Amino acid sequence: MLKNKVAYITGGSKGIGLKIAEALLEEGLKVAITGRSEEVLKVANQLASRYPNCVLGLQSDVRSYSQEHETVDKIMDHWGQLDILIANAGLGHFAPIDQMTESQWNQIIDVNLTGVFNSLKASVECLKKSKGYFISIASLAGTNFFAKGTAYNASKFGLVGFTQAAMLDLREYGIKTTTLMPGSVATHFNGNVPSEKDDWKIQPEDIGQVVVDILKLPARTLPSKIEMRPTIPQKK
């Protein structure tokens, strides 16, 4: 069912994006991953040693529509199809509104929200042809606001709304759309270094498994929005 389909994952060189890539490769998909730095090329080569002829690593900044369009063109030139887009690239700056800088605000909105628009806009005609799948990685911060989260909340509230509206636009072309909204995840996000202290959190590979499960659902069923939480939250 999934074997030989082609997926494009933004922010795929580490954390959630990397674990989604590994989960899809295990299912026999071909996977393109992107990141802003050359690190993505090293990671892609490492994956390719385990999954020959199934991995493509490309540098791209989701804040640039032209770069995303060029990336999709390269994927199409390489494999001739694009079946799945997973918009995972994201970042966070957290500060009270009076301390949030204009630069931090713009960076968060440009990556977490406009970046997803750029990736989807660049991919949408290919997804129409394949009757593919669009998945955005949002956050519970897209429904639960918190102090010092003005920019991050705004980006994730916006992303949830964007993805749900896009779902209504794209379903008429046979494209399925889901937004995943994980809570606490054991990643390097916001300077965290995952360790045993994060064992209670959702693990990146858990999200990879959820993505696989979603893609395996019957065509008639669309889980348009999925919230994910640690089973037992950390005691304060």
Protein backbone atom coordinates (compact mmCIF):
# COMPACT_ATOMS: atom_id res chain seq x y z
CA MET A 1 0.00 0.00 0.00
CA LEU A 2 2.76 2.45 0.94
CA LYS A 3 5.76 0.84 -0.72
CA ASN A 4 7.45 2.98 -3.38
CA LYS A 5 5.39 6.06 -2.59
CA VAL A 6 7.41 9.28 -2.28
CA ALA A 7 7.33 11.50 0.79
CA TYR A 8 8.84 14.93 1.33
CA ILE A 9 9.61 15.90 4.95
CA THR A 10 10.71 19.43 5.87
CA GLY A 11 12.99 19.73 8.86
CA GLY A 12 13.94 16.09 8.36
CA SER A 13 17.51 16.02 9.63
CA LYS A 14 16.75 15.48 13.33
CA GLY A 15 14.09 14.97 15.96
CA ILE A 16 10.53 14.38 14.85
CA GLY A 17 11.25 14.79 11.15
CA LEU A 18 14.08 12.25 11.19
CA LYS A 19 12.05 9.67 13.08
CA ILE A 20 9.14 10.11 10.66
CA ALA A 21 11.59 9.58 7.80
CA GLU A 22 12.93 6.38 9.36
CA ALA A 23 9.40 5.07 9.98
CA LEU A 24 8.42 5.66 6.36
CA LEU A 25 11.61 4.13 5.01
CA GLU A 26 10.89 1.00 7.06
CA GLU A 27 7.56 0.81 5.23
CA GLY A 28 9.30 0.86 1.84
CA LEU A 29 8.71 4.51 0.91
CA LYS A 30 11.18 6.79 -0.80
CA VAL A 31 11.86 9.85 1.32
CA ALA A 32 13.25 13.32 0.61
CA ILE A 33 14.35 15.34 3.64
CA THR A 34 15.32 19.00 3.79
CA GLY A 35 16.94 21.37 6.23
CA ARG A 36 18.58 24.77 6.12
CA SER A 37 22.13 23.58 6.87
CA GLU A 38 24.47 21.09 5.19
CA GLU A 39 23.81 18.73 8.11
CA VAL A 40 20.78 17.43 6.21
CA LEU A 41 23.10 16.10 3.49
CA LYS A 42 25.15 14.14 6.03
CA VAL A 43 22.02 12.71 7.63
CA ALA A 44 20.63 11.75 4.22
CA ASN A 45 23.86 9.91 3.36
CA GLN A 46 23.65 8.01 6.65
CA LEU A 47 20.06 7.02 5.93
CA ALA A 48 20.94 6.06 2.36
CA SER A 49 23.54 3.59 3.64
CA ARG A 50 20.69 1.74 5.38
CA TYR A 51 18.06 2.33 2.69
CA PRO A 52 19.85 2.42 -0.70
CA ASN A 53 18.21 4.39 -3.52
CA CYS A 54 15.42 5.51 -1.19
CA VAL A 55 16.73 8.77 0.32
CA LEU A 56 17.23 12.25 -1.10
CA GLY A 57 18.71 15.04 1.02
CA LEU A 58 18.36 18.66 -0.07
CA GLN A 59 19.07 22.03 1.47
CA SER A 60 16.05 24.31 1.51
CA ASP A 61 14.75 27.09 3.72
CA VAL A 62 10.97 26.85 4.03
CA ARG A 63 10.80 30.62 4.43
CA SER A 64 11.59 30.87 0.71
CA TYR A 65 8.87 29.83 -1.72
CA SER A 66 11.37 29.72 -4.58
CA GLN A 67 13.60 27.31 -2.66
CA GLU A 68 10.66 25.07 -1.83
CA HIS A 69 9.50 25.10 -5.45
CA GLU A 70 13.02 24.19 -6.58
CA THR A 71 13.10 21.37 -4.02
CA VAL A 72 9.84 19.89 -5.28
CA ASP A 73 11.14 20.11 -8.84
CA LYS A 74 14.23 18.16 -7.81
CA ILE A 75 12.11 15.49 -6.12
CA MET A 76 10.00 15.15 -9.26
CA ASP A 77 13.09 14.98 -11.47
CA HIS A 78 14.57 12.30 -9.21
CA TRP A 79 11.55 10.07 -8.63
CA GLY A 80 8.83 11.36 -10.94
CA GLN A 81 6.16 11.62 -8.28
CA LEU A 82 5.27 13.14 -4.91
CA ASP A 83 2.65 11.40 -2.80
CA ILE A 84 3.09 12.78 0.70
CA LEU A 85 4.12 16.16 2.10
CA ILE A 86 4.95 16.35 5.81
CA ALA A 87 5.46 19.95 6.94
CA ASN A 88 7.54 19.48 10.06
CA ALA A 89 10.07 22.35 10.09
CA GLY A 90 9.57 24.60 13.07
CA LEU A 91 11.22 26.59 15.85
CA GLY A 92 10.36 28.50 18.99
CA HIS A 93 11.35 31.59 20.93
CA PHE A 94 9.67 32.10 24.28
CA ALA A 95 9.51 35.43 26.10
CA PRO A 96 6.94 37.84 27.55
CA ILE A 97 5.42 40.09 24.91
CA ASP A 98 7.34 43.12 26.18
CA GLN A 99 10.61 41.22 25.68
CA MET A 100 9.79 39.48 22.39
CA THR A 101 11.84 41.05 19.61
CA GLU A 102 10.60 41.83 16.13
CA SER A 103 13.23 39.48 14.72
CA GLN A 104 12.10 36.58 16.93
CA TRP A 105 8.46 37.19 16.04
CA ASN A 106 9.16 37.27 12.31
CA GLN A 107 11.34 34.18 12.42
CA ILE A 108 8.70 32.08 14.20
CA ILE A 109 5.83 33.18 11.95
CA ASP A 110 7.93 32.86 8.80
CA VAL A 111 9.08 29.29 9.61
CA ASN A 112 6.13 27.81 11.50
CA LEU A 113 3.32 29.29 9.43
CA THR A 114 4.43 30.92 6.19
CA GLY A 115 6.92 28.09 5.69
CA VAL A 116 4.11 25.55 5.65
CA PHE A 117 2.23 27.62 3.09
CA ASN A 118 5.35 27.71 0.92
CA SER A 119 5.89 23.95 1.13
CA LEU A 120 2.27 23.13 0.37
CA LYS A 121 1.94 25.72 -2.39
CA ALA A 122 5.06 24.30 -4.06
CA SER A 123 3.76 20.72 -3.75
CA VAL A 124 0.04 21.01 -4.32
CA GLU A 125 -0.08 20.36 -8.08
CA CYS A 126 2.01 17.21 -7.61
CA LEU A 127 -0.28 16.07 -4.79
CA LYS A 128 -3.30 16.62 -7.03
CA LYS A 129 -1.80 14.24 -9.60
CA SER A 130 -1.06 11.54 -7.03
CA LYS A 131 -4.20 12.15 -4.93
CA GLY A 132 -1.72 12.39 -2.13
CA TYR A 133 -1.52 13.32 1.53
CA PHE A 134 -0.59 16.54 3.37
CA ILE A 135 0.37 16.34 7.04
CA SER A 136 1.36 19.32 9.16
CA ILE A 137 3.11 18.95 12.50
CA ALA A 138 1.43 21.51 14.71
CA SER A 139 1.29 21.39 18.52
CA LEU A 140 -1.06 21.45 21.47
CA ALA A 141 0.17 25.05 21.62
CA GLY A 142 -2.22 25.49 18.69
CA THR A 143 -5.18 25.17 21.04
CA ASN A 144 -3.73 25.90 24.52
CA PHE A 145 -2.20 29.33 25.07
CA PHE A 146 0.43 29.99 27.74
CA ALA A 147 2.54 32.80 29.15
CA LYS A 148 5.65 33.71 27.13
CA GLY A 149 4.09 31.99 24.13
CA THR A 150 2.70 34.90 22.11
CA ALA A 151 4.68 34.18 18.94
CA TYR A 152 4.69 30.40 19.24
CA ASN A 153 0.98 30.24 20.09
CA ALA A 154 0.17 32.56 17.22
CA SER A 155 2.12 30.41 14.77
CA LYS A 156 0.59 27.14 15.93
CA PHE A 157 -2.98 28.45 16.29
CA GLY A 158 -2.51 29.77 12.76
CA LEU A 159 -1.09 26.48 11.52
CA VAL A 160 -4.03 24.49 12.86
CA GLY A 161 -6.45 26.87 11.18
CA PHE A 162 -4.44 26.86 7.97
CA THR A 163 -4.30 23.07 7.81
CA GLN A 164 -7.99 22.58 8.56
CA ALA A 165 -9.00 25.12 5.92
CA ALA A 166 -6.59 23.53 3.44
CA MET A 167 -8.23 20.18 4.18
CA LEU A 168 -11.54 21.56 2.97
CA ASP A 169 -9.90 22.98 -0.17
CA LEU A 170 -7.91 19.85 -1.04
CA ARG A 171 -10.34 17.04 -0.34
CA GLU A 172 -12.18 17.72 -3.62
CA TYR A 173 -8.98 16.66 -5.43
CA GLY A 174 -8.73 13.44 -3.45
CA ILE A 175 -5.93 14.82 -1.25
CA LYS A 176 -6.18 13.86 2.41
CA THR A 177 -5.02 16.36 5.05
CA THR A 178 -4.17 15.88 8.72
CA THR A 179 -2.63 18.08 11.38
CA LEU A 180 -0.84 16.38 14.27
CA MET A 181 -0.79 18.27 17.55
CA PRO A 182 1.73 16.71 19.95
CA GLY A 183 2.31 17.97 23.46
CA SER A 184 5.63 17.48 25.24
CA VAL A 185 8.09 15.66 22.95
CA ALA A 186 11.62 14.52 23.81
CA THR A 187 13.55 16.48 21.18
CA HIS A 188 16.27 19.14 20.94
CA PHE A 189 13.57 21.82 20.63
CA ASN A 190 14.30 25.13 22.38
CA GLY A 191 17.79 24.03 23.45
CA ASN A 192 16.71 20.86 25.24
CA VAL A 193 19.10 17.90 25.17
CA PRO A 194 17.02 14.69 25.38
CA SER A 195 18.00 12.41 28.27
CA GLU A 196 16.43 10.10 30.84
CA LYS A 197 14.62 13.10 32.29
CA ASP A 198 12.49 13.11 29.11
CA ASP A 199 11.38 9.49 29.35
CA TRP A 200 7.86 10.56 30.36
CA LYS A 201 7.44 12.59 27.18
CA ILE A 202 6.20 11.54 23.75
CA GLN A 203 9.19 10.16 21.85
CA PRO A 204 9.85 11.26 18.24
CA GLU A 205 9.49 7.68 17.01
CA ASP A 206 5.98 7.61 18.51
CA ILE A 207 5.00 10.39 16.13
CA GLY A 208 6.61 8.45 13.28
CA GLN A 209 4.40 5.49 14.14
CA VAL A 210 1.28 7.67 14.19
CA VAL A 211 2.14 9.01 10.72
CA VAL A 212 2.48 5.46 9.39
CA ASP A 213 -0.84 4.48 10.98
CA ILE A 214 -2.59 7.49 9.44
CA LEU A 215 -1.26 6.71 5.98
CA LYS A 216 -2.48 3.11 6.26
CA LEU A 217 -6.07 4.07 7.00
CA PRO A 218 -8.69 3.27 4.33
CA ALA A 219 -9.13 5.97 1.70
CA ARG A 220 -12.66 6.61 2.95
CA THR A 221 -11.46 7.71 6.41
CA LEU A 222 -9.83 11.07 7.18
CA PRO A 223 -8.49 11.91 10.67
CA SER A 224 -8.27 15.64 10.08
CA LYS A 225 -6.89 16.67 13.49
CA ILE A 226 -5.11 14.52 16.07
CA GLU A 227 -4.06 15.65 19.55
CA MET A 228 -1.23 13.71 21.24
CA ARG A 229 -0.25 13.89 24.91
CA PRO A 230 2.10 12.03 27.24
CA THR A 231 0.10 9.33 28.98
CA ILE A 232 1.32 10.41 32.41
CA PRO A 233 2.40 14.06 32.65
CA GLN A 234 5.40 15.08 34.68
CA LYS A 235 4.65 15.77 38.32
CA LYS A 236 5.37 19.34 39.35
